[in-house]
PDB file of N, CA and C in Angstrom:
ATOM      1  N   MET A   1     -80.910-173.536 -37.625  1.00  0.00           N
ATOM      2  CA  MET A   1     -79.589-174.143 -37.761  1.00  0.00           C
ATOM      3  C   MET A   1     -78.943-174.208 -36.386  1.00  0.00           C
ATOM      4  N   ALA A   2     -78.596-175.375 -35.978  1.00  0.00           N
ATOM      5  CA  ALA A   2     -77.972-175.561 -34.673  1.00  0.00           C
ATOM      6  C   ALA A   2     -76.510-175.146 -34.737  1.00  0.00           C
ATOM      7  N   SER A   3     -76.082-174.445 -33.713  1.00  0.00           N
ATOM      8  CA  SER A   3     -74.683-174.035 -33.697  1.00  0.00           C
ATOM      9  C   SER A   3     -73.857-175.106 -33.008  1.00  0.00           C
ATOM     10  N   SER A   4     -72.713-175.377 -33.571  1.00  0.00           N
ATOM     11  CA  SER A   4     -71.832-176.384 -32.980  1.00  0.00           C
ATOM     12  C   SER A   4     -70.504-175.743 -32.643  1.00  0.00           C
ATOM     13  N   LYS A   5     -69.830-176.287 -31.649  1.00  0.00           N
ATOM     14  CA  LYS A   5     -68.553-175.744 -31.225  1.00  0.00           C
ATOM     15  C   LYS A   5     -67.455-176.280 -32.141  1.00  0.00           C
ATOM     16  N   HIS A   6     -66.720-175.354 -32.722  1.00  0.00           N
ATOM     17  CA  HIS A   6     -65.588-175.720 -33.551  1.00  0.00           C
ATOM     18  C   HIS A   6     -64.320-175.293 -32.841  1.00  0.00           C
ATOM     19  N   ASP A   7     -63.209-175.791 -33.308  1.00  0.00           N
ATOM     20  CA  ASP A   7     -61.929-175.399 -32.726  1.00  0.00           C
ATOM     21  C   ASP A   7     -61.611-173.952 -33.092  1.00  0.00           C
ATOM     22  N   TYR A   8     -60.506-173.497 -32.581  1.00  0.00           N
ATOM     23  CA  TYR A   8     -60.075-172.109 -32.740  1.00  0.00           C
ATOM     24  C   TYR A   8     -61.095-171.165 -32.121  1.00  0.00           C
ATOM     25  N   PHE A   9     -61.321-171.345 -30.843  1.00  0.00           N
ATOM     26  CA  PHE A   9     -62.089-170.431 -30.008  1.00  0.00           C
ATOM     27  C   PHE A   9     -63.567-170.365 -30.357  1.00  0.00           C
ATOM     28  N   GLY A  10     -64.122-171.379 -30.996  1.00  0.00           N
ATOM     29  CA  GLY A  10     -65.533-171.407 -31.334  1.00  0.00           C
ATOM     30  C   GLY A  10     -65.907-170.532 -32.520  1.00  0.00           C
ATOM     31  N   LEU A  11     -64.914-170.099 -33.287  1.00  0.00           N
ATOM     32  CA  LEU A  11     -65.184-169.282 -34.472  1.00  0.00           C
ATOM     33  C   LEU A  11     -65.871-170.122 -35.536  1.00  0.00           C
ATOM     34  N   ASN A  12     -66.527-169.447 -36.476  1.00  0.00           N
ATOM     35  CA  ASN A  12     -67.196-170.222 -37.518  1.00  0.00           C
ATOM     36  C   ASN A  12     -66.173-170.902 -38.414  1.00  0.00           C
ATOM     37  N   ARG A  13     -66.647-171.820 -39.215  1.00  0.00           N
ATOM     38  CA  ARG A  13     -65.764-172.711 -39.967  1.00  0.00           C
ATOM     39  C   ARG A  13     -64.913-171.975 -40.991  1.00  0.00           C
ATOM     40  N   ILE A  14     -65.472-170.991 -41.679  1.00  0.00           N
ATOM     41  CA  ILE A  14     -64.721-170.254 -42.704  1.00  0.00           C
ATOM     42  C   ILE A  14     -63.549-169.500 -42.073  1.00  0.00           C
ATOM     43  N   VAL A  15     -63.797-168.817 -40.969  1.00  0.00           N
ATOM     44  CA  VAL A  15     -62.721-168.081 -40.284  1.00  0.00           C
ATOM     45  C   VAL A  15     -61.666-169.056 -39.775  1.00  0.00           C
ATOM     46  N   SER A  16     -62.096-170.188 -39.246  1.00  0.00           N
ATOM     47  CA  SER A  16     -61.144-171.197 -38.753  1.00  0.00           C
ATOM     48  C   SER A  16     -60.290-171.752 -39.886  1.00  0.00           C
ATOM     49  N   ILE A  17     -60.880-171.969 -41.053  1.00  0.00           N
ATOM     50  CA  ILE A  17     -60.103-172.458 -42.203  1.00  0.00           C
ATOM     51  C   ILE A  17     -59.085-171.418 -42.640  1.00  0.00           C
ATOM     52  N   ILE A  18     -59.485-170.150 -42.658  1.00  0.00           N
ATOM     53  CA  ILE A  18     -58.543-169.084 -43.026  1.00  0.00           C
ATOM     54  C   ILE A  18     -57.392-169.035 -42.030  1.00  0.00           C
ATOM     55  N   LEU A  19     -57.688-169.151 -40.747  1.00  0.00           N
ATOM     56  CA  LEU A  19     -56.627-169.162 -39.734  1.00  0.00           C
ATOM     57  C   LEU A  19     -55.732-170.390 -39.872  1.00  0.00           C
ATOM     58  N   ALA A  20     -56.300-171.517 -40.278  1.00  0.00           N
ATOM     59  CA  ALA A  20     -55.526-172.747 -40.431  1.00  0.00           C
ATOM     60  C   ALA A  20     -54.610-172.707 -41.655  1.00  0.00           C
ATOM     61  N   ILE A  21     -54.973-171.935 -42.658  1.00  0.00           N
ATOM     62  CA  ILE A  21     -54.154-171.848 -43.870  1.00  0.00           C
ATOM     63  C   ILE A  21     -52.822-171.166 -43.590  1.00  0.00           C
ATOM     64  N   ILE A  22     -52.834-170.170 -42.736  1.00  0.00           N
ATOM     65  CA  ILE A  22     -51.621-169.408 -42.414  1.00  0.00           C
ATOM     66  C   ILE A  22     -50.855-170.174 -41.329  1.00  0.00           C
ATOM     67  N   PRO A  23     -49.639-170.632 -41.623  1.00  0.00           N
ATOM     68  CA  PRO A  23     -48.916-171.485 -40.667  1.00  0.00           C
ATOM     69  C   PRO A  23     -48.718-170.864 -39.285  1.00  0.00           C
ATOM     70  N   VAL A  24     -48.398-169.589 -39.216  1.00  0.00           N
ATOM     71  CA  VAL A  24     -48.129-168.962 -37.917  1.00  0.00           C
ATOM     72  C   VAL A  24     -49.399-168.906 -37.076  1.00  0.00           C
ATOM     73  N   THR A  25     -50.510-168.485 -37.671  1.00  0.00           N
ATOM     74  CA  THR A  25     -51.750-168.418 -36.898  1.00  0.00           C
ATOM     75  C   THR A  25     -52.257-169.805 -36.545  1.00  0.00           C
ATOM     76  N   SER A  26     -52.056-170.765 -37.421  1.00  0.00           N
ATOM     77  CA  SER A  26     -52.455-172.138 -37.128  1.00  0.00           C
ATOM     78  C   SER A  26     -51.678-172.667 -35.926  1.00  0.00           C
ATOM     79  N   PHE A  27     -50.379-172.403 -35.905  1.00  0.00           N
ATOM     80  CA  PHE A  27     -49.532-172.834 -34.794  1.00  0.00           C
ATOM     81  C   PHE A  27     -49.991-172.188 -33.486  1.00  0.00           C
ATOM     82  N   VAL A  28     -50.153-170.881 -33.485  1.00  0.00           N
ATOM     83  CA  VAL A  28     -50.533-170.160 -32.266  1.00  0.00           C
ATOM     84  C   VAL A  28     -51.924-170.580 -31.799  1.00  0.00           C
ATOM     85  N   CYS A  29     -52.879-170.619 -32.708  1.00  0.00           N
ATOM     86  CA  CYS A  29     -54.249-171.004 -32.340  1.00  0.00           C
ATOM     87  C   CYS A  29     -54.307-172.449 -31.844  1.00  0.00           C
ATOM     88  N   GLY A  30     -53.553-173.335 -32.461  1.00  0.00           N
ATOM     89  CA  GLY A  30     -53.529-174.731 -32.025  1.00  0.00           C
ATOM     90  C   GLY A  30     -52.968-174.877 -30.629  1.00  0.00           C
ATOM     91  N   VAL A  31     -51.867-174.191 -30.352  1.00  0.00           N
ATOM     92  CA  VAL A  31     -51.245-174.266 -29.023  1.00  0.00           C
ATOM     93  C   VAL A  31     -52.174-173.665 -27.968  1.00  0.00           C
ATOM     94  N   VAL A  32     -52.703-172.488 -28.251  1.00  0.00           N
ATOM     95  CA  VAL A  32     -53.582-171.824 -27.289  1.00  0.00           C
ATOM     96  C   VAL A  32     -54.845-172.646 -27.048  1.00  0.00           C
ATOM     97  N   THR A  33     -55.413-173.219 -28.111  1.00  0.00           N
ATOM     98  CA  THR A  33     -56.609-174.041 -27.975  1.00  0.00           C
ATOM     99  C   THR A  33     -56.355-175.240 -27.071  1.00  0.00           C
ATOM    100  N   ARG A  34     -55.239-175.903 -27.244  1.00  0.00           N
ATOM    101  CA  ARG A  34     -54.929-177.083 -26.416  1.00  0.00           C
ATOM    102  C   ARG A  34     -54.692-176.683 -24.957  1.00  0.00           C
ATOM    103  N   PHE A  35     -54.004-175.554 -24.713  1.00  0.00           N
ATOM    104  CA  PHE A  35     -53.809-175.103 -23.340  1.00  0.00           C
ATOM    105  C   PHE A  35     -55.139-174.684 -22.710  1.00  0.00           C
ATOM    106  N   MET A  36     -56.027-174.061 -23.486  1.00  0.00           N
ATOM    107  CA  MET A  36     -57.342-173.681 -22.974  1.00  0.00           C
ATOM    108  C   MET A  36     -58.184-174.902 -22.637  1.00  0.00           C
ATOM    109  N   ASP A  37     -57.986-176.005 -23.356  1.00  0.00           N
ATOM    110  CA  ASP A  37     -58.682-177.258 -23.060  1.00  0.00           C
ATOM    111  C   ASP A  37     -58.125-177.936 -21.813  1.00  0.00           C
ATOM    112  N   GLY A  38     -57.026-177.404 -21.272  1.00  0.00           N
ATOM    113  CA  GLY A  38     -56.399-177.999 -20.101  1.00  0.00           C
ATOM    114  C   GLY A  38     -55.464-179.147 -20.437  1.00  0.00           C
ATOM    115  N   LYS A  39     -55.090-179.268 -21.695  1.00  0.00           N
ATOM    116  CA  LYS A  39     -54.208-180.345 -22.159  1.00  0.00           C
ATOM    117  C   LYS A  39     -52.783-179.807 -22.285  1.00  0.00           C
ATOM    118  N   ILE A  40     -52.080-179.748 -21.171  1.00  0.00           N
ATOM    119  CA  ILE A  40     -50.737-179.166 -21.123  1.00  0.00           C
ATOM    120  C   ILE A  40     -49.761-179.950 -22.003  1.00  0.00           C
ATOM    121  N   VAL A  41     -49.761-181.270 -21.892  1.00  0.00           N
ATOM    122  CA  VAL A  41     -48.825-182.101 -22.660  1.00  0.00           C
ATOM    123  C   VAL A  41     -49.105-181.956 -24.161  1.00  0.00           C
ATOM    124  N   ALA A  42     -50.375-181.932 -24.541  1.00  0.00           N
ATOM    125  CA  ALA A  42     -50.731-181.768 -25.952  1.00  0.00           C
ATOM    126  C   ALA A  42     -50.287-180.395 -26.461  1.00  0.00           C
ATOM    127  N   GLY A  43     -50.396-179.369 -25.623  1.00  0.00           N
ATOM    128  CA  GLY A  43     -49.921-178.045 -26.003  1.00  0.00           C
ATOM    129  C   GLY A  43     -48.419-178.010 -26.204  1.00  0.00           C
ATOM    130  N   ILE A  44     -47.691-178.692 -25.325  1.00  0.00           N
ATOM    131  CA  ILE A  44     -46.230-178.757 -25.448  1.00  0.00           C
ATOM    132  C   ILE A  44     -45.838-179.532 -26.706  1.00  0.00           C
ATOM    133  N   LEU A  45     -46.545-180.629 -26.990  1.00  0.00           N
ATOM    134  CA  LEU A  45     -46.271-181.380 -28.225  1.00  0.00           C
ATOM    135  C   LEU A  45     -46.521-180.519 -29.461  1.00  0.00           C
ATOM    136  N   ARG A  46     -47.539-179.682 -29.417  1.00  0.00           N
ATOM    137  CA  ARG A  46     -47.803-178.786 -30.545  1.00  0.00           C
ATOM    138  C   ARG A  46     -46.692-177.746 -30.687  1.00  0.00           C
ATOM    139  N   ILE A  47     -46.128-177.296 -29.572  1.00  0.00           N
ATOM    140  CA  ILE A  47     -45.009-176.345 -29.651  1.00  0.00           C
ATOM    141  C   ILE A  47     -43.812-177.018 -30.308  1.00  0.00           C
ATOM    142  N   VAL A  48     -43.535-178.256 -29.935  1.00  0.00           N
ATOM    143  CA  VAL A  48     -42.369-178.966 -30.463  1.00  0.00           C
ATOM    144  C   VAL A  48     -42.574-179.386 -31.917  1.00  0.00           C
ATOM    145  N   PHE A  49     -43.733-179.952 -32.233  1.00  0.00           N
ATOM    146  CA  PHE A  49     -43.966-180.526 -33.561  1.00  0.00           C
ATOM    147  C   PHE A  49     -44.934-179.723 -34.431  1.00  0.00           C
ATOM    148  N   GLY A  50     -45.361-178.560 -33.984  1.00  0.00           N
ATOM    149  CA  GLY A  50     -46.412-177.812 -34.666  1.00  0.00           C
ATOM    150  C   GLY A  50     -46.051-177.195 -35.999  1.00  0.00           C
ATOM    151  N   TRP A  51     -44.789-177.126 -36.351  1.00  0.00           N
ATOM    152  CA  TRP A  51     -44.398-176.461 -37.596  1.00  0.00           C
ATOM    153  C   TRP A  51     -44.291-177.421 -38.761  1.00  0.00           C
ATOM    154  N   ASN A  52     -44.483-178.683 -38.555  1.00  0.00           N
ATOM    155  CA  ASN A  52     -44.286-179.631 -39.648  1.00  0.00           C
ATOM    156  C   ASN A  52     -45.579-180.329 -40.013  1.00  0.00           C
ATOM    157  N   ILE A  53     -45.648-181.597 -39.845  1.00  0.00           N
ATOM    158  CA  ILE A  53     -46.772-182.402 -40.315  1.00  0.00           C
ATOM    159  C   ILE A  53     -48.079-182.055 -39.599  1.00  0.00           C
ATOM    160  N   ILE A  54     -48.013-181.623 -38.351  1.00  0.00           N
ATOM    161  CA  ILE A  54     -49.240-181.282 -37.627  1.00  0.00           C
ATOM    162  C   ILE A  54     -49.971-180.137 -38.319  1.00  0.00           C
ATOM    163  N   TRP A  55     -49.233-179.169 -38.866  1.00  0.00           N
ATOM    164  CA  TRP A  55     -49.881-178.064 -39.575  1.00  0.00           C
ATOM    165  C   TRP A  55     -50.659-178.574 -40.782  1.00  0.00           C
ATOM    166  N   LEU A  56     -50.056-179.460 -41.554  1.00  0.00           N
ATOM    167  CA  LEU A  56     -50.747-179.999 -42.728  1.00  0.00           C
ATOM    168  C   LEU A  56     -51.975-180.823 -42.340  1.00  0.00           C
ATOM    169  N   VAL A  57     -51.834-181.642 -41.312  1.00  0.00           N
ATOM    170  CA  VAL A  57     -52.961-182.454 -40.858  1.00  0.00           C
ATOM    171  C   VAL A  57     -54.068-181.559 -40.301  1.00  0.00           C
ATOM    172  N   ASP A  58     -53.697-180.537 -39.532  1.00  0.00           N
ATOM    173  CA  ASP A  58     -54.690-179.590 -39.021  1.00  0.00           C
ATOM    174  C   ASP A  58     -55.446-178.906 -40.159  1.00  0.00           C
ATOM    175  N   LEU A  59     -54.726-178.513 -41.187  1.00  0.00           N
ATOM    176  CA  LEU A  59     -55.352-177.852 -42.331  1.00  0.00           C
ATOM    177  C   LEU A  59     -56.362-178.777 -43.002  1.00  0.00           C
ATOM    178  N   ILE A  60     -55.971-180.006 -43.255  1.00  0.00           N
ATOM    179  CA  ILE A  60     -56.872-180.974 -43.901  1.00  0.00           C
ATOM    180  C   ILE A  60     -58.082-181.253 -43.013  1.00  0.00           C
ATOM    181  N   LEU A  61     -57.849-181.496 -41.727  1.00  0.00           N
ATOM    182  CA  LEU A  61     -58.960-181.789 -40.824  1.00  0.00           C
ATOM    183  C   LEU A  61     -59.892-180.590 -40.644  1.00  0.00           C
ATOM    184  N   MET A  62     -59.338-179.380 -40.638  1.00  0.00           N
ATOM    185  CA  MET A  62     -60.178-178.188 -40.493  1.00  0.00           C
ATOM    186  C   MET A  62     -61.094-178.039 -41.700  1.00  0.00           C
ATOM    187  N   ILE A  63     -60.576-178.322 -42.886  1.00  0.00           N
ATOM    188  CA  ILE A  63     -61.392-178.232 -44.098  1.00  0.00           C
ATOM    189  C   ILE A  63     -62.462-179.322 -44.108  1.00  0.00           C
ATOM    190  N   VAL A  64     -62.081-180.537 -43.741  1.00  0.00           N
ATOM    191  CA  VAL A  64     -63.004-181.680 -43.821  1.00  0.00           C
ATOM    192  C   VAL A  64     -64.020-181.682 -42.676  1.00  0.00           C
ATOM    193  N   SER A  65     -63.540-181.521 -41.431  1.00  0.00           N
ATOM    194  CA  SER A  65     -64.440-181.715 -40.293  1.00  0.00           C
ATOM    195  C   SER A  65     -64.647-180.492 -39.404  1.00  0.00           C
ATOM    196  N   GLY A  66     -63.807-179.467 -39.545  1.00  0.00           N
ATOM    197  CA  GLY A  66     -63.939-178.284 -38.703  1.00  0.00           C
ATOM    198  C   GLY A  66     -63.234-178.393 -37.364  1.00  0.00           C
ATOM    199  N   HIS A  67     -62.412-179.411 -37.176  1.00  0.00           N
ATOM    200  CA  HIS A  67     -61.695-179.616 -35.923  1.00  0.00           C
ATOM    201  C   HIS A  67     -60.212-179.851 -36.205  1.00  0.00           C
ATOM    202  N   ILE A  68     -59.375-179.548 -35.196  1.00  0.00           N
ATOM    203  CA  ILE A  68     -57.948-179.785 -35.341  1.00  0.00           C
ATOM    204  C   ILE A  68     -57.595-181.186 -34.842  1.00  0.00           C
ATOM    205  N   LEU A  69     -56.378-181.591 -35.119  1.00  0.00           N
ATOM    206  CA  LEU A  69     -55.884-182.898 -34.712  1.00  0.00           C
ATOM    207  C   LEU A  69     -55.793-182.967 -33.187  1.00  0.00           C
ATOM    208  N   ARG A  70     -56.308-184.033 -32.641  1.00  0.00           N
ATOM    209  CA  ARG A  70     -56.209-184.282 -31.195  1.00  0.00           C
ATOM    210  C   ARG A  70     -55.176-185.373 -30.973  1.00  0.00           C
ATOM    211  N   ILE A  71     -53.936-184.979 -30.683  1.00  0.00           N
ATOM    212  CA  ILE A  71     -52.862-185.947 -30.464  1.00  0.00           C
ATOM    213  C   ILE A  71     -53.138-186.748 -29.208  1.00  0.00           C
ATOM    214  N   LEU A  72     -53.504-186.066 -28.140  1.00  0.00           N
ATOM    215  CA  LEU A  72     -53.840-186.714 -26.880  1.00  0.00           C
ATOM    216  C   LEU A  72     -55.279-186.342 -26.538  1.00  0.00           C
ATOM    217  N   PRO A  73     -56.233-187.189 -26.920  1.00  0.00           N
ATOM    218  CA  PRO A  73     -57.636-186.842 -26.714  1.00  0.00           C
ATOM    219  C   PRO A  73     -58.071-186.833 -25.241  1.00  0.00           C
ATOM    220  N   CYS A  74     -57.359-187.502 -24.378  1.00  0.00           N
ATOM    221  CA  CYS A  74     -57.756-187.598 -22.966  1.00  0.00           C
ATOM    222  C   CYS A  74     -57.270-186.414 -22.179  1.00  0.00           C
TER     223      CYS A  74
END
């Protein structure tokens, strides 16, 4: 089985889904993940908008694909 990199620090999918379910951990992990990727603006956008629709979209995407929403992919 090939290992693939998932969001939330490369943790496996089940742990990432559990972290995504809890709003506070989803917010913190999402912000930290974007800053670790070097995406400062995306991290700031997650701080501003991370408590509303982004949390729900992150939860759905984590369950479906194992990745969080990329607002600014570049």
